[in-house]
Amino acid sequence: MEIKGSVATGYGKGAYFLGQEFYKSKFNEKCGFTPYPGTLNIVVPEKYLDSIKRIKSNTNNIIKPREGFGGVRYIKATLKDLATQNTVTGAIVFPDKTTHEENYLEFIAKENLRKKFDLKDEDQVIISIDKQ
């Protein structure tokens, strides 16, 4: 499945959570990389929302909550910058506790993707999700 969306500025909360040793070690264990402390926020069109809800509810990939923190569902994925055609492997995360609207996806990778691909708000990307 491919989801096309546009880069958007987030609230900066992902940096705090992904900076926690608990989350860093769990993502490294389960996804094979230690995530950069921050998420790339992607706004997706409404036509994808039903599919995203299905993916989220059907994934068994869960990092269980720790005291004071929420659990996180995740699914491995690839992100492609449409301007350069460069790709990176990472994961879409679905935090139990989030302040984003349902049309926002949060993508994590081992690098700062805004810097790596020189992404700005409204730049177009495609997220590819393998059947899990």
C-alpha atoms as a PDB file:
ATOM      1  CA  MET A   1       0.000   0.000   0.000  1.00  0.00           C
ATOM      2  CA  GLU A   2       1.217   3.513  -0.789  1.00  0.00           C
ATOM      3  CA  ILE A   3       0.075   6.674   0.947  1.00  0.00           C
ATOM      4  CA  LYS A   4       0.879  10.076  -0.502  1.00  0.00           C
ATOM      5  CA  GLY A   5       0.973  13.042   1.829  1.00  0.00           C
ATOM      6  CA  SER A   6       2.611  16.345   2.596  1.00  0.00           C
ATOM      7  CA  VAL A   7       5.137  17.198   5.285  1.00  0.00           C
ATOM      8  CA  ALA A   8       3.819  19.335   8.148  1.00  0.00           C
ATOM      9  CA  THR A   9       5.208  20.886  11.298  1.00  0.00           C
ATOM     10  CA  GLY A  10       4.325  18.971  14.438  1.00  0.00           C
ATOM     11  CA  TYR A  11       4.106  20.004  18.061  1.00  0.00           C
ATOM     12  CA  GLY A  12       7.635  18.924  19.015  1.00  0.00           C
ATOM     13  CA  LYS A  13       6.391  16.297  21.481  1.00  0.00           C
ATOM     14  CA  GLY A  14       7.808  13.352  19.534  1.00  0.00           C
ATOM     15  CA  ALA A  15      11.339  14.537  20.310  1.00  0.00           C
ATOM     16  CA  TYR A  16      10.726  14.229  24.042  1.00  0.00           C
ATOM     17  CA  PHE A  17       9.234  10.756  23.878  1.00  0.00           C
ATOM     18  CA  LEU A  18      11.684   9.346  21.348  1.00  0.00           C
ATOM     19  CA  GLY A  19      14.508  10.753  23.457  1.00  0.00           C
ATOM     20  CA  GLN A  20      13.485   8.464  26.341  1.00  0.00           C
ATOM     21  CA  GLU A  21      15.809   5.487  26.757  1.00  0.00           C
ATOM     22  CA  PHE A  22      12.829   3.139  27.108  1.00  0.00           C
ATOM     23  CA  TYR A  23      11.439   3.998  23.664  1.00  0.00           C
ATOM     24  CA  LYS A  24      14.876   4.166  22.011  1.00  0.00           C
ATOM     25  CA  SER A  25      15.828   0.695  23.199  1.00  0.00           C
ATOM     26  CA  LYS A  26      12.432  -0.848  22.329  1.00  0.00           C
ATOM     27  CA  PHE A  27      12.419   0.577  18.792  1.00  0.00           C
ATOM     28  CA  ASN A  28      16.011  -0.574  18.322  1.00  0.00           C
ATOM     29  CA  GLU A  29      15.038  -4.065  19.476  1.00  0.00           C
ATOM     30  CA  LYS A  30      11.843  -4.290  17.406  1.00  0.00           C
ATOM     31  CA  CYS A  31      12.655  -2.248  14.291  1.00  0.00           C
ATOM     32  CA  GLY A  32      16.420  -2.614  14.072  1.00  0.00           C
ATOM     33  CA  PHE A  33      17.285   1.076  14.498  1.00  0.00           C
ATOM     34  CA  THR A  34      17.441   3.682  17.229  1.00  0.00           C
ATOM     35  CA  PRO A  35      15.084   6.462  16.130  1.00  0.00           C
ATOM     36  CA  TYR A  36      16.119  10.057  15.771  1.00  0.00           C
ATOM     37  CA  PRO A  37      14.412  11.919  18.626  1.00  0.00           C
ATOM     38  CA  GLY A  38      11.542  13.360  16.634  1.00  0.00           C
ATOM     39  CA  THR A  39       8.906  12.345  14.120  1.00  0.00           C
ATOM     40  CA  LEU A  40       8.290  13.502  10.584  1.00  0.00           C
ATOM     41  CA  ASN A  41       4.652  14.554  10.469  1.00  0.00           C
ATOM     42  CA  ILE A  42       2.758  13.867   7.270  1.00  0.00           C
ATOM     43  CA  VAL A  43      -0.735  15.105   6.484  1.00  0.00           C
ATOM     44  CA  VAL A  44      -2.645  12.608   4.366  1.00  0.00           C
ATOM     45  CA  PRO A  45      -5.800  13.094   2.298  1.00  0.00           C
ATOM     46  CA  GLU A  46      -9.105  11.811   3.642  1.00  0.00           C
ATOM     47  CA  LYS A  47      -9.258   9.016   1.053  1.00  0.00           C
ATOM     48  CA  TYR A  48      -6.555   7.128   3.020  1.00  0.00           C
ATOM     49  CA  LEU A  49      -8.126   7.390   6.484  1.00  0.00           C
ATOM     50  CA  ASP A  50     -10.135   4.139   6.419  1.00  0.00           C
ATOM     51  CA  SER A  51      -7.092   2.167   5.274  1.00  0.00           C
ATOM     52  CA  ILE A  52      -4.912   3.780   7.949  1.00  0.00           C
ATOM     53  CA  LYS A  53      -7.473   2.956  10.647  1.00  0.00           C
ATOM     54  CA  ARG A  54      -7.489  -0.686   9.482  1.00  0.00           C
ATOM     55  CA  ILE A  55      -3.697  -0.864   9.528  1.00  0.00           C
ATOM     56  CA  LYS A  56      -3.550   0.666  12.991  1.00  0.00           C
ATOM     57  CA  SER A  57      -6.199  -1.623  14.467  1.00  0.00           C
ATOM     58  CA  ASN A  58      -4.802  -4.774  12.837  1.00  0.00           C
ATOM     59  CA  THR A  59      -1.145  -4.382  13.770  1.00  0.00           C
ATOM     60  CA  ASN A  60       0.221  -6.553  16.543  1.00  0.00           C
ATOM     61  CA  ASN A  61       3.391  -4.460  16.712  1.00  0.00           C
ATOM     62  CA  ILE A  62       3.059  -2.751  20.070  1.00  0.00           C
ATOM     63  CA  ILE A  63       5.476  -1.197  22.498  1.00  0.00           C
ATOM     64  CA  LYS A  64       3.691  -1.547  25.810  1.00  0.00           C
ATOM     65  CA  PRO A  65       3.380   1.509  28.014  1.00  0.00           C
ATOM     66  CA  ARG A  66       5.679   2.250  30.883  1.00  0.00           C
ATOM     67  CA  GLU A  67       4.590   4.159  33.980  1.00  0.00           C
ATOM     68  CA  GLY A  68       3.778   7.718  32.976  1.00  0.00           C
ATOM     69  CA  PHE A  69       4.004   6.982  29.259  1.00  0.00           C
ATOM     70  CA  GLY A  70       1.640   5.573  26.670  1.00  0.00           C
ATOM     71  CA  GLY A  71       1.922   2.557  24.445  1.00  0.00           C
ATOM     72  CA  VAL A  72       2.818   2.849  20.780  1.00  0.00           C
ATOM     73  CA  ARG A  73       1.648   0.786  17.838  1.00  0.00           C
ATOM     74  CA  TYR A  74       3.987   0.813  14.879  1.00  0.00           C
ATOM     75  CA  ILE A  75       4.349  -0.598  11.416  1.00  0.00           C
ATOM     76  CA  LYS A  76       7.547  -0.748   9.407  1.00  0.00           C
ATOM     77  CA  ALA A  77       7.442   1.348   6.250  1.00  0.00           C
ATOM     78  CA  THR A  78       9.522   3.155   3.649  1.00  0.00           C
ATOM     79  CA  LEU A  79       9.343   6.873   2.969  1.00  0.00           C
ATOM     80  CA  LYS A  80      10.160   8.382  -0.433  1.00  0.00           C
ATOM     81  CA  ASP A  81      10.808  12.074  -1.006  1.00  0.00           C
ATOM     82  CA  LEU A  82       9.060  12.814  -4.306  1.00  0.00           C
ATOM     83  CA  ALA A  83      11.378  15.704  -5.198  1.00  0.00           C
ATOM     84  CA  THR A  84      14.594  13.670  -5.043  1.00  0.00           C
ATOM     85  CA  GLN A  85      13.216  10.096  -5.217  1.00  0.00           C
ATOM     86  CA  ASN A  86      15.419   9.264  -2.207  1.00  0.00           C
ATOM     87  CA  THR A  87      14.048   6.664   0.197  1.00  0.00           C
ATOM     88  CA  VAL A  88      14.561   5.696   3.817  1.00  0.00           C
ATOM     89  CA  THR A  89      13.354   2.758   5.866  1.00  0.00           C
ATOM     90  CA  GLY A  90      11.610   3.481   9.142  1.00  0.00           C
ATOM     91  CA  ALA A  91       8.213   3.065  10.759  1.00  0.00           C
ATOM     92  CA  ILE A  92       4.872   4.767  11.132  1.00  0.00           C
ATOM     93  CA  VAL A  93       4.037   5.183  14.815  1.00  0.00           C
ATOM     94  CA  PHE A  94       0.577   5.386  16.339  1.00  0.00           C
ATOM     95  CA  PRO A  95       1.005   6.643  19.919  1.00  0.00           C
ATOM     96  CA  ASP A  96      -1.855   5.823  22.313  1.00  0.00           C
ATOM     97  CA  LYS A  97      -1.589   9.369  23.614  1.00  0.00           C
ATOM     98  CA  THR A  98      -1.542  11.853  20.756  1.00  0.00           C
ATOM     99  CA  THR A  99      -2.798  15.364  20.083  1.00  0.00           C
ATOM    100  CA  HIS A 100      -2.707  15.024  16.291  1.00  0.00           C
ATOM    101  CA  GLU A 101      -5.771  14.838  14.094  1.00  0.00           C
ATOM    102  CA  GLU A 102      -6.463  11.470  12.475  1.00  0.00           C
ATOM    103  CA  ASN A 103      -5.119  12.688   9.117  1.00  0.00           C
ATOM    104  CA  TYR A 104      -1.585  13.059  10.562  1.00  0.00           C
ATOM    105  CA  LEU A 105       0.904  10.215  10.313  1.00  0.00           C
ATOM    106  CA  GLU A 106       4.120  10.204  12.316  1.00  0.00           C
ATOM    107  CA  PHE A 107       7.128   8.590  10.661  1.00  0.00           C
ATOM    108  CA  ILE A 108      10.322   7.677  12.496  1.00  0.00           C
ATOM    109  CA  ALA A 109      13.764   6.773  11.170  1.00  0.00           C
ATOM    110  CA  LYS A 110      17.304   6.720  12.496  1.00  0.00           C
ATOM    111  CA  GLU A 111      18.040  10.134  10.980  1.00  0.00           C
ATOM    112  CA  ASN A 112      16.527  13.609  10.988  1.00  0.00           C
ATOM    113  CA  LEU A 113      14.557  13.331   7.749  1.00  0.00           C
ATOM    114  CA  ARG A 114      13.964  17.058   7.338  1.00  0.00           C
ATOM    115  CA  LYS A 115      17.724  17.569   7.225  1.00  0.00           C
ATOM    116  CA  LYS A 116      18.590  14.400   5.294  1.00  0.00           C
ATOM    117  CA  PHE A 117      16.171  15.201   2.444  1.00  0.00           C
ATOM    118  CA  ASP A 118      15.959  19.000   2.995  1.00  0.00           C
ATOM    119  CA  LEU A 119      12.212  18.654   3.554  1.00  0.00           C
ATOM    120  CA  LYS A 120       9.996  21.666   4.114  1.00  0.00           C
ATOM    121  CA  ASP A 121       6.332  21.914   5.041  1.00  0.00           C
ATOM    122  CA  GLU A 122       4.078  20.876   2.153  1.00  0.00           C
ATOM    123  CA  ASP A 123       6.785  18.843   0.393  1.00  0.00           C
ATOM    124  CA  GLN A 124       5.266  15.649  -1.008  1.00  0.00           C
ATOM    125  CA  VAL A 125       6.270  12.182   0.192  1.00  0.00           C
ATOM    126  CA  ILE A 126       5.030   8.631  -0.321  1.00  0.00           C
ATOM    127  CA  ILE A 127       4.928   6.085   2.465  1.00  0.00           C
ATOM    128  CA  SER A 128       5.018   2.451   1.346  1.00  0.00           C
ATOM    129  CA  ILE A 129       3.729  -0.177   3.740  1.00  0.00           C
ATOM    130  CA  ASP A 130       4.434  -3.833   3.106  1.00  0.00           C
ATOM    131  CA  LYS A 131       1.723  -6.316   3.932  1.00  0.00           C
ATOM    132  CA  GLN A 132       2.516  -7.426   7.461  1.00  0.00           C
END
